[in-house]
Amino acid sequence: MPFIDDILRYDSLSIVGLEKNTGKTECLKYVLERIPLEHTLIAVTSIGIDGETTDQVTLTQKPEITLREGMYFGTSEAHYKLRRLVSELVDVSDESTSLGRVVTARALTQGKILLSGPSSTAGLQRWMQSTRRHGIDLAIIDGALSRMSLASPAVSQAMILATGAAYSANLTTLVNKTAFVVELINLPLASEDNLKQLMPLERGVWAVNRDGTLHELNGLTALSQEIRFDGMEQCQTLYVAGALVDGLLEKVRRNKCLRQVELVVRDFTKVFATPQQFHLFIKSGGRMSVLQKSHLIAVTVNPTSPSGYNLDSDQLCARLSEAIHLPVYDLLKKK
């Protein structure tokens, strides 16, 4: 069974779709059907709504979520009442969503469930911590459209990326766009000294001099005309705690004093630069690293778009695998 053993090496997993209808829910279903429950206690939740039979945007059919006996799950009060299984309620949190509080329960029988858990990164972190009290070995988070932040290593140790024709109907464009996301996921960890010094800093832009001196660059934004600060010639590391956008990345690249610095971001989800600016930065000799690194377990594809356009599955898997140097799976072909 592809990548199931790899999942079991971690205590948390995010399944992230690069676009709606890229096969994210099918991937979740595949994992839930195959995780061995004899020695692994799992809990599952969603940052969106999963388990609906019909997509509310495209009106296309969606795979339902089936839980097996013994699995824990987190969902809203409203959707808990709609469950089609027997369960034991183990926790009602203070975490509130538009559908009520988030409840955690254990399935006593196999059955279907609508998942709609915490809607924020902080909420997911609190939910995952609460599941540890019940001895959970693996927490699985199912993502929502354009919510890449849930794939942050601050939330989960590992991730699976789902892509497909819904992301782009052009094979070359799809491969290039997906490969860029994988390139960001695979950014290297920052040096150990930078990890220790920068991890507590969650806001602002900071410079680290060659002697280890740390100072904040107040007022520096993507709208600034240029990057200029005292001691710039001694700068060894530039740390951007928030979003890294094209404007700021270009200013770093064009600054002769900063071309050899190590540019550090918190994790890959903070990089909002375009592929063009990112690759210009790298080609000019720039180095980028992260304080927290995600472990990409697998990439899955859905070659069919909601409009009915079909890419060749074998060709898509082969081209993408060659571009990212990882196996790529069409899970529907595995069945």
C-alpha atoms as a PDB file:
ATOM      1  CA  MET A   1       0.000   0.000   0.000  1.00  0.00           C
ATOM      2  CA  PRO A   2       1.700   3.216  -1.159  1.00  0.00           C
ATOM      3  CA  PHE A   3       2.924   5.569   1.616  1.00  0.00           C
ATOM      4  CA  ILE A   4       0.779   4.146   4.482  1.00  0.00           C
ATOM      5  CA  ASP A   5       3.869   2.907   6.351  1.00  0.00           C
ATOM      6  CA  ASP A   6       5.440   6.348   5.895  1.00  0.00           C
ATOM      7  CA  ILE A   7       2.430   8.008   7.545  1.00  0.00           C
ATOM      8  CA  LEU A   8       2.834   5.843  10.648  1.00  0.00           C
ATOM      9  CA  ARG A   9       6.252   7.380  11.342  1.00  0.00           C
ATOM     10  CA  TYR A  10       4.586  10.655  12.366  1.00  0.00           C
ATOM     11  CA  ASP A  11       2.044  11.724  14.989  1.00  0.00           C
ATOM     12  CA  SER A  12       0.189  14.187  12.741  1.00  0.00           C
ATOM     13  CA  LEU A  13      -0.710  14.445   9.064  1.00  0.00           C
ATOM     14  CA  SER A  14      -2.305  17.142   6.901  1.00  0.00           C
ATOM     15  CA  ILE A  15      -3.905  16.331   3.552  1.00  0.00           C
ATOM     16  CA  VAL A  16      -3.835  19.460   1.396  1.00  0.00           C
ATOM     17  CA  GLY A  17      -5.492  20.060  -1.964  1.00  0.00           C
ATOM     18  CA  LEU A  18      -3.982  22.670  -4.267  1.00  0.00           C
ATOM     19  CA  GLU A  19      -7.456  23.347  -5.620  1.00  0.00           C
ATOM     20  CA  LYS A  20     -10.985  22.157  -5.103  1.00  0.00           C
ATOM     21  CA  ASN A  21     -11.669  18.747  -6.712  1.00  0.00           C
ATOM     22  CA  THR A  22      -8.028  17.652  -6.855  1.00  0.00           C
ATOM     23  CA  GLY A  23      -8.797  14.432  -4.983  1.00  0.00           C
ATOM     24  CA  LYS A  24      -8.123  15.490  -1.409  1.00  0.00           C
ATOM     25  CA  THR A  25     -11.171  13.746   0.032  1.00  0.00           C
ATOM     26  CA  GLU A  26     -10.436  10.611  -1.991  1.00  0.00           C
ATOM     27  CA  CYS A  27      -6.954  10.660  -0.479  1.00  0.00           C
ATOM     28  CA  LEU A  28      -8.384  10.961   3.039  1.00  0.00           C
ATOM     29  CA  LYS A  29     -10.740   8.097   2.307  1.00  0.00           C
ATOM     30  CA  TYR A  30      -7.839   5.984   0.990  1.00  0.00           C
ATOM     31  CA  VAL A  31      -5.807   6.618   4.153  1.00  0.00           C
ATOM     32  CA  LEU A  32      -8.698   5.954   6.562  1.00  0.00           C
ATOM     33  CA  GLU A  33      -9.479   2.641   4.874  1.00  0.00           C
ATOM     34  CA  ARG A  34      -5.890   1.386   5.142  1.00  0.00           C
ATOM     35  CA  ILE A  35      -4.441   2.667   8.417  1.00  0.00           C
ATOM     36  CA  PRO A  36      -3.951  -0.416  10.627  1.00  0.00           C
ATOM     37  CA  LEU A  37      -5.988   0.124  13.801  1.00  0.00           C
ATOM     38  CA  GLU A  38      -4.569  -2.816  15.745  1.00  0.00           C
ATOM     39  CA  HIS A  39      -1.668  -0.752  17.076  1.00  0.00           C
ATOM     40  CA  THR A  40      -2.564   2.795  15.977  1.00  0.00           C
ATOM     41  CA  LEU A  41      -5.208   5.002  17.555  1.00  0.00           C
ATOM     42  CA  ILE A  42      -6.201   7.783  15.165  1.00  0.00           C
ATOM     43  CA  ALA A  43      -8.283  10.955  15.283  1.00  0.00           C
ATOM     44  CA  VAL A  44      -9.491  12.850  12.233  1.00  0.00           C
ATOM     45  CA  THR A  45     -10.947  16.301  11.655  1.00  0.00           C
ATOM     46  CA  SER A  46     -11.358  18.843   8.863  1.00  0.00           C
ATOM     47  CA  ILE A  47     -10.679  22.559   8.610  1.00  0.00           C
ATOM     48  CA  GLY A  48     -13.557  22.819   6.119  1.00  0.00           C
ATOM     49  CA  ILE A  49     -16.576  20.553   5.646  1.00  0.00           C
ATOM     50  CA  ASP A  50     -15.972  17.022   4.416  1.00  0.00           C
ATOM     51  CA  GLY A  51     -18.267  14.083   3.904  1.00  0.00           C
ATOM     52  CA  GLU A  52     -20.949  15.834   1.849  1.00  0.00           C
ATOM     53  CA  THR A  53     -22.305  13.753  -1.015  1.00  0.00           C
ATOM     54  CA  THR A  54     -22.449  16.786  -3.326  1.00  0.00           C
ATOM     55  CA  ASP A  55     -19.965  19.623  -3.734  1.00  0.00           C
ATOM     56  CA  GLN A  56     -21.862  22.811  -2.886  1.00  0.00           C
ATOM     57  CA  VAL A  57     -19.875  24.880  -5.415  1.00  0.00           C
ATOM     58  CA  THR A  58     -19.545  22.632  -8.454  1.00  0.00           C
ATOM     59  CA  LEU A  59     -22.588  20.422  -7.686  1.00  0.00           C
ATOM     60  CA  THR A  60     -20.485  17.363  -8.534  1.00  0.00           C
ATOM     61  CA  GLN A  61     -20.578  14.098  -6.566  1.00  0.00           C
ATOM     62  CA  LYS A  62     -18.173  13.833  -3.625  1.00  0.00           C
ATOM     63  CA  PRO A  63     -16.925  10.717  -1.809  1.00  0.00           C
ATOM     64  CA  GLU A  64     -18.437  10.269   1.656  1.00  0.00           C
ATOM     65  CA  ILE A  65     -16.255   9.875   4.754  1.00  0.00           C
ATOM     66  CA  THR A  66     -16.575   6.468   6.420  1.00  0.00           C
ATOM     67  CA  LEU A  67     -15.028   5.917   9.835  1.00  0.00           C
ATOM     68  CA  ARG A  68     -14.165   2.522  11.241  1.00  0.00           C
ATOM     69  CA  GLU A  69     -14.928   1.355  14.761  1.00  0.00           C
ATOM     70  CA  GLY A  70     -12.449   2.791  17.259  1.00  0.00           C
ATOM     71  CA  MET A  71     -11.553   5.915  15.295  1.00  0.00           C
ATOM     72  CA  TYR A  72     -11.851   9.287  17.026  1.00  0.00           C
ATOM     73  CA  PHE A  73     -13.170  12.321  15.184  1.00  0.00           C
ATOM     74  CA  GLY A  74     -13.633  16.047  15.732  1.00  0.00           C
ATOM     75  CA  THR A  75     -16.591  17.849  14.188  1.00  0.00           C
ATOM     76  CA  SER A  76     -19.093  20.621  14.873  1.00  0.00           C
ATOM     77  CA  GLU A  77     -22.154  20.143  17.066  1.00  0.00           C
ATOM     78  CA  ALA A  78     -24.434  20.565  14.044  1.00  0.00           C
ATOM     79  CA  HIS A  79     -22.732  17.839  12.044  1.00  0.00           C
ATOM     80  CA  TYR A  80     -22.301  15.552  15.041  1.00  0.00           C
ATOM     81  CA  LYS A  81     -26.093  15.366  15.258  1.00  0.00           C
ATOM     82  CA  LEU A  82     -26.192  14.164  11.630  1.00  0.00           C
ATOM     83  CA  ARG A  83     -23.744  11.264  12.138  1.00  0.00           C
ATOM     84  CA  ARG A  84     -24.670   7.847  10.786  1.00  0.00           C
ATOM     85  CA  LEU A  85     -22.804   5.780  13.305  1.00  0.00           C
ATOM     86  CA  VAL A  86     -22.920   4.963  17.012  1.00  0.00           C
ATOM     87  CA  SER A  87     -20.366   6.978  18.954  1.00  0.00           C
ATOM     88  CA  GLU A  88     -19.175   7.919  22.419  1.00  0.00           C
ATOM     89  CA  LEU A  89     -18.817  11.638  23.135  1.00  0.00           C
ATOM     90  CA  VAL A  90     -15.488  12.266  24.854  1.00  0.00           C
ATOM     91  CA  ASP A  91     -15.058  16.045  24.760  1.00  0.00           C
ATOM     92  CA  VAL A  92     -16.926  19.281  24.026  1.00  0.00           C
ATOM     93  CA  SER A  93     -14.450  22.113  23.548  1.00  0.00           C
ATOM     94  CA  ASP A  94     -14.747  25.877  23.938  1.00  0.00           C
ATOM     95  CA  GLU A  95     -13.691  26.112  20.282  1.00  0.00           C
ATOM     96  CA  SER A  96     -16.653  27.596  18.429  1.00  0.00           C
ATOM     97  CA  THR A  97     -17.407  27.499  14.706  1.00  0.00           C
ATOM     98  CA  SER A  98     -20.331  28.760  12.626  1.00  0.00           C
ATOM     99  CA  LEU A  99     -21.837  25.296  13.122  1.00  0.00           C
ATOM    100  CA  GLY A 100     -21.431  25.232  16.894  1.00  0.00           C
ATOM    101  CA  ARG A 101     -18.743  24.008  19.269  1.00  0.00           C
ATOM    102  CA  VAL A 102     -16.198  21.406  18.207  1.00  0.00           C
ATOM    103  CA  VAL A 103     -16.883  18.015  19.765  1.00  0.00           C
ATOM    104  CA  THR A 104     -14.634  14.968  19.856  1.00  0.00           C
ATOM    105  CA  ALA A 105     -16.069  11.470  19.865  1.00  0.00           C
ATOM    106  CA  ARG A 106     -15.063   7.838  19.342  1.00  0.00           C
ATOM    107  CA  ALA A 107     -16.830   5.681  16.762  1.00  0.00           C
ATOM    108  CA  LEU A 108     -18.345   2.572  18.342  1.00  0.00           C
ATOM    109  CA  THR A 109     -19.534   1.255  14.979  1.00  0.00           C
ATOM    110  CA  GLN A 110     -18.531   1.826  11.381  1.00  0.00           C
ATOM    111  CA  GLY A 111     -20.481   4.588   9.678  1.00  0.00           C
ATOM    112  CA  LYS A 112     -20.506   7.888   7.849  1.00  0.00           C
ATOM    113  CA  ILE A 113     -19.805  11.327   9.261  1.00  0.00           C
ATOM    114  CA  LEU A 114     -19.632  14.968   8.182  1.00  0.00           C
ATOM    115  CA  LEU A 115     -16.367  16.506   9.371  1.00  0.00           C
ATOM    116  CA  SER A 116     -16.228  20.219  10.185  1.00  0.00           C
ATOM    117  CA  GLY A 117     -13.663  20.886  12.883  1.00  0.00           C
ATOM    118  CA  PRO A 118     -11.625  23.902  14.051  1.00  0.00           C
ATOM    119  CA  SER A 119     -11.410  26.669  11.475  1.00  0.00           C
ATOM    120  CA  SER A 120      -8.038  28.169  12.459  1.00  0.00           C
ATOM    121  CA  THR A 121      -4.450  27.053  12.876  1.00  0.00           C
ATOM    122  CA  ALA A 122      -4.540  27.794  16.607  1.00  0.00           C
ATOM    123  CA  GLY A 123      -7.809  25.893  16.945  1.00  0.00           C
ATOM    124  CA  LEU A 124      -6.322  22.880  15.207  1.00  0.00           C
ATOM    125  CA  GLN A 125      -3.324  22.950  17.520  1.00  0.00           C
ATOM    126  CA  ARG A 126      -5.570  23.009  20.591  1.00  0.00           C
ATOM    127  CA  TRP A 127      -7.739  20.175  19.224  1.00  0.00           C
ATOM    128  CA  MET A 128      -4.699  18.024  18.498  1.00  0.00           C
ATOM    129  CA  GLN A 129      -3.320  18.620  21.988  1.00  0.00           C
ATOM    130  CA  SER A 130      -6.659  17.605  23.507  1.00  0.00           C
ATOM    131  CA  THR A 131      -6.660  14.308  21.598  1.00  0.00           C
ATOM    132  CA  ARG A 132      -3.377  13.309  23.228  1.00  0.00           C
ATOM    133  CA  ARG A 133      -5.276  12.882  26.501  1.00  0.00           C
ATOM    134  CA  HIS A 134      -7.070   9.943  24.874  1.00  0.00           C
ATOM    135  CA  GLY A 135      -3.868   8.268  23.752  1.00  0.00           C
ATOM    136  CA  ILE A 136      -4.126   9.252  20.081  1.00  0.00           C
ATOM    137  CA  ASP A 137      -1.112   8.089  18.069  1.00  0.00           C
ATOM    138  CA  LEU A 138      -1.948   9.883  14.820  1.00  0.00           C
ATOM    139  CA  ALA A 139      -4.053  13.009  14.183  1.00  0.00           C
ATOM    140  CA  ILE A 140      -5.197  13.518  10.582  1.00  0.00           C
ATOM    141  CA  ILE A 141      -6.320  16.937   9.337  1.00  0.00           C
ATOM    142  CA  ASP A 142      -8.251  17.275   6.111  1.00  0.00           C
ATOM    143  CA  GLY A 143      -7.733  20.616   4.441  1.00  0.00           C
ATOM    144  CA  ALA A 144      -9.873  23.238   2.784  1.00  0.00           C
ATOM    145  CA  LEU A 145      -9.501  25.270  -0.383  1.00  0.00           C
ATOM    146  CA  SER A 146      -6.645  27.816  -0.219  1.00  0.00           C
ATOM    147  CA  ARG A 147      -5.808  27.018   3.407  1.00  0.00           C
ATOM    148  CA  MET A 148      -2.181  25.979   2.982  1.00  0.00           C
ATOM    149  CA  SER A 149      -1.430  27.313   6.474  1.00  0.00           C
ATOM    150  CA  LEU A 150      -2.843  24.105   7.952  1.00  0.00           C
ATOM    151  CA  ALA A 151       0.040  22.259   6.277  1.00  0.00           C
ATOM    152  CA  SER A 152       2.480  24.305   8.340  1.00  0.00           C
ATOM    153  CA  PRO A 153       4.811  22.170  10.445  1.00  0.00           C
ATOM    154  CA  ALA A 154       3.518  24.233  13.354  1.00  0.00           C
ATOM    155  CA  VAL A 155       0.310  22.197  12.927  1.00  0.00           C
ATOM    156  CA  SER A 156       1.350  18.816  11.559  1.00  0.00           C
ATOM    157  CA  GLN A 157       4.600  16.909  11.144  1.00  0.00           C
ATOM    158  CA  ALA A 158       3.785  15.447   7.740  1.00  0.00           C
ATOM    159  CA  MET A 159       1.623  16.191   4.729  1.00  0.00           C
ATOM    160  CA  ILE A 160       0.179  14.726   1.548  1.00  0.00           C
ATOM    161  CA  LEU A 161      -0.334  17.058  -1.411  1.00  0.00           C
ATOM    162  CA  ALA A 162      -3.255  16.527  -3.799  1.00  0.00           C
ATOM    163  CA  THR A 163      -3.169  18.134  -7.249  1.00  0.00           C
ATOM    164  CA  GLY A 164      -4.875  17.593 -10.573  1.00  0.00           C
ATOM    165  CA  ALA A 165      -6.698  18.875 -13.638  1.00  0.00           C
ATOM    166  CA  ALA A 166      -8.857  21.190 -11.513  1.00  0.00           C
ATOM    167  CA  TYR A 167      -5.647  23.099 -10.628  1.00  0.00           C
ATOM    168  CA  SER A 168      -4.795  23.443 -14.328  1.00  0.00           C
ATOM    169  CA  ALA A 169      -6.131  21.659 -17.403  1.00  0.00           C
ATOM    170  CA  ASN A 170      -2.797  22.191 -19.180  1.00  0.00           C
ATOM    171  CA  LEU A 171      -0.378  19.367 -18.382  1.00  0.00           C
ATOM    172  CA  THR A 172       2.799  21.471 -18.525  1.00  0.00           C
ATOM    173  CA  THR A 173       1.289  24.279 -16.444  1.00  0.00           C
ATOM    174  CA  LEU A 174      -0.025  21.792 -13.897  1.00  0.00           C
ATOM    175  CA  VAL A 175       3.375  20.113 -13.544  1.00  0.00           C
ATOM    176  CA  ASN A 176       5.204  23.449 -13.201  1.00  0.00           C
ATOM    177  CA  LYS A 177       2.771  24.924 -10.661  1.00  0.00           C
ATOM    178  CA  THR A 178       2.765  21.777  -8.526  1.00  0.00           C
ATOM    179  CA  ALA A 179       6.549  21.402  -8.740  1.00  0.00           C
ATOM    180  CA  PHE A 180       6.966  24.959  -7.418  1.00  0.00           C
ATOM    181  CA  VAL A 181       4.854  24.174  -4.341  1.00  0.00           C
ATOM    182  CA  VAL A 182       6.931  21.038  -3.750  1.00  0.00           C
ATOM    183  CA  GLU A 183      10.115  23.105  -4.125  1.00  0.00           C
ATOM    184  CA  LEU A 184       8.922  25.415  -1.347  1.00  0.00           C
ATOM    185  CA  ILE A 185       7.940  22.475   0.871  1.00  0.00           C
ATOM    186  CA  ASN A 186      11.456  21.088   0.451  1.00  0.00           C
ATOM    187  CA  LEU A 187      13.280  24.284   1.467  1.00  0.00           C
ATOM    188  CA  PRO A 188      16.143  23.332   3.819  1.00  0.00           C
ATOM    189  CA  LEU A 189      16.208  23.978   7.538  1.00  0.00           C
ATOM    190  CA  ALA A 190      18.041  27.054   8.739  1.00  0.00           C
ATOM    191  CA  SER A 191      21.310  26.665  10.616  1.00  0.00           C
ATOM    192  CA  GLU A 192      21.112  25.520  14.211  1.00  0.00           C
ATOM    193  CA  ASP A 193      22.202  28.937  15.512  1.00  0.00           C
ATOM    194  CA  ASN A 194      19.434  30.639  13.527  1.00  0.00           C
ATOM    195  CA  LEU A 195      16.874  28.105  14.715  1.00  0.00           C
ATOM    196  CA  LYS A 196      17.624  28.877  18.365  1.00  0.00           C
ATOM    197  CA  GLN A 197      17.773  32.640  17.948  1.00  0.00           C
ATOM    198  CA  LEU A 198      14.891  33.233  15.545  1.00  0.00           C
ATOM    199  CA  MET A 199      12.252  30.678  16.568  1.00  0.00           C
ATOM    200  CA  PRO A 200      10.777  32.886  19.365  1.00  0.00           C
ATOM    201  CA  LEU A 201      10.335  35.829  16.944  1.00  0.00           C
ATOM    202  CA  GLU A 202       6.877  35.653  15.368  1.00  0.00           C
ATOM    203  CA  ARG A 203       6.600  39.157  13.874  1.00  0.00           C
ATOM    204  CA  GLY A 204       8.715  41.629  11.963  1.00  0.00           C
ATOM    205  CA  VAL A 205      11.867  41.548   9.847  1.00  0.00           C
ATOM    206  CA  TRP A 206      15.166  40.889  11.633  1.00  0.00           C
ATOM    207  CA  ALA A 207      18.855  40.993  10.747  1.00  0.00           C
ATOM    208  CA  VAL A 208      21.565  38.811  12.279  1.00  0.00           C
ATOM    209  CA  ASN A 209      25.123  40.119  11.958  1.00  0.00           C
ATOM    210  CA  ARG A 210      28.217  37.955  11.546  1.00  0.00           C
ATOM    211  CA  ASP A 211      28.962  38.323  15.258  1.00  0.00           C
ATOM    212  CA  GLY A 212      25.486  37.017  16.134  1.00  0.00           C
ATOM    213  CA  THR A 213      24.000  40.396  16.993  1.00  0.00           C
ATOM    214  CA  LEU A 214      20.251  40.484  16.360  1.00  0.00           C
ATOM    215  CA  HIS A 215      18.246  43.609  15.621  1.00  0.00           C
ATOM    216  CA  GLU A 216      14.792  44.380  14.252  1.00  0.00           C
ATOM    217  CA  LEU A 217      14.406  46.353  11.034  1.00  0.00           C
ATOM    218  CA  ASN A 218      11.514  48.597  12.012  1.00  0.00           C
ATOM    219  CA  GLY A 219       9.353  49.950   9.215  1.00  0.00           C
ATOM    220  CA  LEU A 220      10.730  47.628   6.539  1.00  0.00           C
ATOM    221  CA  THR A 221       7.951  46.393   4.225  1.00  0.00           C
ATOM    222  CA  ALA A 222       7.428  45.394   0.601  1.00  0.00           C
ATOM    223  CA  LEU A 223       6.393  49.036  -0.014  1.00  0.00           C
ATOM    224  CA  SER A 224       9.727  50.425   1.168  1.00  0.00           C
ATOM    225  CA  GLN A 225      11.737  52.055  -1.628  1.00  0.00           C
ATOM    226  CA  GLU A 226      14.812  50.006  -0.769  1.00  0.00           C
ATOM    227  CA  ILE A 227      16.380  48.047   2.052  1.00  0.00           C
ATOM    228  CA  ARG A 228      18.845  50.124   4.024  1.00  0.00           C
ATOM    229  CA  PHE A 229      19.884  49.837   7.664  1.00  0.00           C
ATOM    230  CA  ASP A 230      22.921  50.467   9.853  1.00  0.00           C
ATOM    231  CA  GLY A 231      25.467  47.666   9.696  1.00  0.00           C
ATOM    232  CA  MET A 232      23.952  46.171   6.544  1.00  0.00           C
ATOM    233  CA  GLU A 233      27.420  45.157   5.307  1.00  0.00           C
ATOM    234  CA  GLN A 234      27.781  42.867   8.355  1.00  0.00           C
ATOM    235  CA  CYS A 235      24.405  41.166   7.864  1.00  0.00           C
ATOM    236  CA  GLN A 236      24.639  37.375   7.627  1.00  0.00           C
ATOM    237  CA  THR A 237      20.959  36.398   7.984  1.00  0.00           C
ATOM    238  CA  LEU A 238      17.735  38.199   7.110  1.00  0.00           C
ATOM    239  CA  TYR A 239      14.642  36.755   8.806  1.00  0.00           C
ATOM    240  CA  VAL A 240      11.110  37.534   7.589  1.00  0.00           C
ATOM    241  CA  ALA A 241       8.690  36.313  10.255  1.00  0.00           C
ATOM    242  CA  GLY A 242       5.529  37.122   8.285  1.00  0.00           C
ATOM    243  CA  ALA A 243       4.636  36.786   4.610  1.00  0.00           C
ATOM    244  CA  LEU A 244       7.427  36.929   2.059  1.00  0.00           C
ATOM    245  CA  VAL A 245       6.042  38.645  -1.052  1.00  0.00           C
ATOM    246  CA  ASP A 246       7.523  39.583  -4.434  1.00  0.00           C
ATOM    247  CA  GLY A 247       8.284  43.180  -3.514  1.00  0.00           C
ATOM    248  CA  LEU A 248      10.438  42.333  -0.517  1.00  0.00           C
ATOM    249  CA  LEU A 249      12.145  39.407  -2.231  1.00  0.00           C
ATOM    250  CA  GLU A 250      13.066  41.591  -5.211  1.00  0.00           C
ATOM    251  CA  LYS A 251      14.540  44.281  -2.954  1.00  0.00           C
ATOM    252  CA  VAL A 252      16.732  41.677  -1.224  1.00  0.00           C
ATOM    253  CA  ARG A 253      17.863  40.305  -4.598  1.00  0.00           C
ATOM    254  CA  ARG A 254      18.764  43.751  -5.973  1.00  0.00           C
ATOM    255  CA  ASN A 255      20.707  44.810  -2.881  1.00  0.00           C
ATOM    256  CA  LYS A 256      24.412  44.038  -3.409  1.00  0.00           C
ATOM    257  CA  CYS A 257      25.058  43.914   0.329  1.00  0.00           C
ATOM    258  CA  LEU A 258      22.385  41.246   0.865  1.00  0.00           C
ATOM    259  CA  ARG A 259      23.008  38.903  -2.046  1.00  0.00           C
ATOM    260  CA  GLN A 260      25.007  36.456   0.053  1.00  0.00           C
ATOM    261  CA  VAL A 261      22.813  36.493   3.157  1.00  0.00           C
ATOM    262  CA  GLU A 262      20.689  33.562   4.215  1.00  0.00           C
ATOM    263  CA  LEU A 263      17.030  34.569   3.860  1.00  0.00           C
ATOM    264  CA  VAL A 264      14.983  32.747   6.501  1.00  0.00           C
ATOM    265  CA  VAL A 265      11.191  32.359   6.689  1.00  0.00           C
ATOM    266  CA  ARG A 266       9.212  30.593   9.396  1.00  0.00           C
ATOM    267  CA  ASP A 267       7.965  27.834   7.081  1.00  0.00           C
ATOM    268  CA  PHE A 268       7.062  27.297   3.439  1.00  0.00           C
ATOM    269  CA  THR A 269       3.482  28.521   3.889  1.00  0.00           C
ATOM    270  CA  LYS A 270       4.853  32.039   4.501  1.00  0.00           C
ATOM    271  CA  VAL A 271       6.282  32.300   0.973  1.00  0.00           C
ATOM    272  CA  PHE A 272       3.840  34.215  -1.243  1.00  0.00           C
ATOM    273  CA  ALA A 273       6.366  35.105  -3.924  1.00  0.00           C
ATOM    274  CA  THR A 274       5.699  34.100  -7.519  1.00  0.00           C
ATOM    275  CA  PRO A 275       7.789  31.351  -9.133  1.00  0.00           C
ATOM    276  CA  GLN A 276       9.426  33.985 -11.351  1.00  0.00           C
ATOM    277  CA  GLN A 277      10.693  36.112  -8.450  1.00  0.00           C
ATOM    278  CA  PHE A 278      11.663  33.077  -6.387  1.00  0.00           C
ATOM    279  CA  HIS A 279      13.748  31.561  -9.172  1.00  0.00           C
ATOM    280  CA  LEU A 280      15.361  34.923 -10.001  1.00  0.00           C
ATOM    281  CA  PHE A 281      16.407  35.123  -6.351  1.00  0.00           C
ATOM    282  CA  ILE A 282      17.880  31.603  -6.386  1.00  0.00           C
ATOM    283  CA  LYS A 283      19.635  32.088  -9.750  1.00  0.00           C
ATOM    284  CA  SER A 284      21.251  35.272  -8.471  1.00  0.00           C
ATOM    285  CA  GLY A 285      22.905  33.266  -5.696  1.00  0.00           C
ATOM    286  CA  GLY A 286      20.236  33.785  -3.030  1.00  0.00           C
ATOM    287  CA  ARG A 287      19.721  31.201  -0.295  1.00  0.00           C
ATOM    288  CA  MET A 288      16.409  30.561   1.448  1.00  0.00           C
ATOM    289  CA  SER A 289      15.718  28.342   4.441  1.00  0.00           C
ATOM    290  CA  VAL A 290      12.983  27.688   7.008  1.00  0.00           C
ATOM    291  CA  LEU A 291      12.727  27.417  10.776  1.00  0.00           C
ATOM    292  CA  GLN A 292      10.178  24.603  10.542  1.00  0.00           C
ATOM    293  CA  LYS A 293      10.245  21.996   7.793  1.00  0.00           C
ATOM    294  CA  SER A 294       7.329  19.931   6.526  1.00  0.00           C
ATOM    295  CA  HIS A 295       7.774  16.266   5.629  1.00  0.00           C
ATOM    296  CA  LEU A 296       6.110  15.628   2.274  1.00  0.00           C
ATOM    297  CA  ILE A 297       5.022  11.992   2.281  1.00  0.00           C
ATOM    298  CA  ALA A 298       3.280  11.762  -1.084  1.00  0.00           C
ATOM    299  CA  VAL A 299       1.766  13.623  -4.015  1.00  0.00           C
ATOM    300  CA  THR A 300      -1.521  12.382  -5.446  1.00  0.00           C
ATOM    301  CA  VAL A 301      -3.295  13.409  -8.642  1.00  0.00           C
ATOM    302  CA  ASN A 302      -6.834  13.597  -9.967  1.00  0.00           C
ATOM    303  CA  PRO A 303      -6.554  13.787 -13.776  1.00  0.00           C
ATOM    304  CA  THR A 304     -10.226  14.754 -14.171  1.00  0.00           C
ATOM    305  CA  SER A 305     -11.571  18.287 -13.706  1.00  0.00           C
ATOM    306  CA  PRO A 306     -15.149  19.108 -12.551  1.00  0.00           C
ATOM    307  CA  SER A 307     -15.871  20.321 -16.080  1.00  0.00           C
ATOM    308  CA  GLY A 308     -15.121  16.825 -17.358  1.00  0.00           C
ATOM    309  CA  TYR A 309     -11.707  17.534 -18.881  1.00  0.00           C
ATOM    310  CA  ASN A 310      -9.379  14.518 -18.600  1.00  0.00           C
ATOM    311  CA  LEU A 311      -5.597  14.428 -18.600  1.00  0.00           C
ATOM    312  CA  ASP A 312      -3.752  11.192 -19.283  1.00  0.00           C
ATOM    313  CA  SER A 313      -3.135   9.737 -15.823  1.00  0.00           C
ATOM    314  CA  ASP A 314       0.043   7.816 -16.655  1.00  0.00           C
ATOM    315  CA  GLN A 315       1.573  10.772 -18.463  1.00  0.00           C
ATOM    316  CA  LEU A 316       0.654  13.158 -15.642  1.00  0.00           C
ATOM    317  CA  CYS A 317       2.145  10.893 -12.963  1.00  0.00           C
ATOM    318  CA  ALA A 318       5.327  10.333 -14.994  1.00  0.00           C
ATOM    319  CA  ARG A 319       5.881  14.011 -15.854  1.00  0.00           C
ATOM    320  CA  LEU A 320       5.205  15.220 -12.323  1.00  0.00           C
ATOM    321  CA  SER A 321       7.320  12.495 -10.731  1.00  0.00           C
ATOM    322  CA  GLU A 322      10.220  13.442 -12.989  1.00  0.00           C
ATOM    323  CA  ALA A 323       9.854  17.113 -12.024  1.00  0.00           C
ATOM    324  CA  ILE A 324       9.670  16.619  -8.233  1.00  0.00           C
ATOM    325  CA  HIS A 325      11.797  13.449  -7.890  1.00  0.00           C
ATOM    326  CA  LEU A 326       9.086  11.698  -5.872  1.00  0.00           C
ATOM    327  CA  PRO A 327       6.531   8.975  -6.654  1.00  0.00           C
ATOM    328  CA  VAL A 328       3.146  10.341  -7.739  1.00  0.00           C
ATOM    329  CA  TYR A 329      -0.082   8.371  -7.305  1.00  0.00           C
ATOM    330  CA  ASP A 330      -3.489   8.326  -8.966  1.00  0.00           C
ATOM    331  CA  LEU A 331      -5.303   6.644  -6.083  1.00  0.00           C
ATOM    332  CA  LEU A 332      -8.413   5.836  -8.084  1.00  0.00           C
ATOM    333  CA  LYS A 333      -6.283   3.685 -10.385  1.00  0.00           C
ATOM    334  CA  LYS A 334      -4.939   1.833  -7.334  1.00  0.00           C
ATOM    335  CA  LYS A 335      -8.363   0.505  -6.436  1.00  0.00           C
END
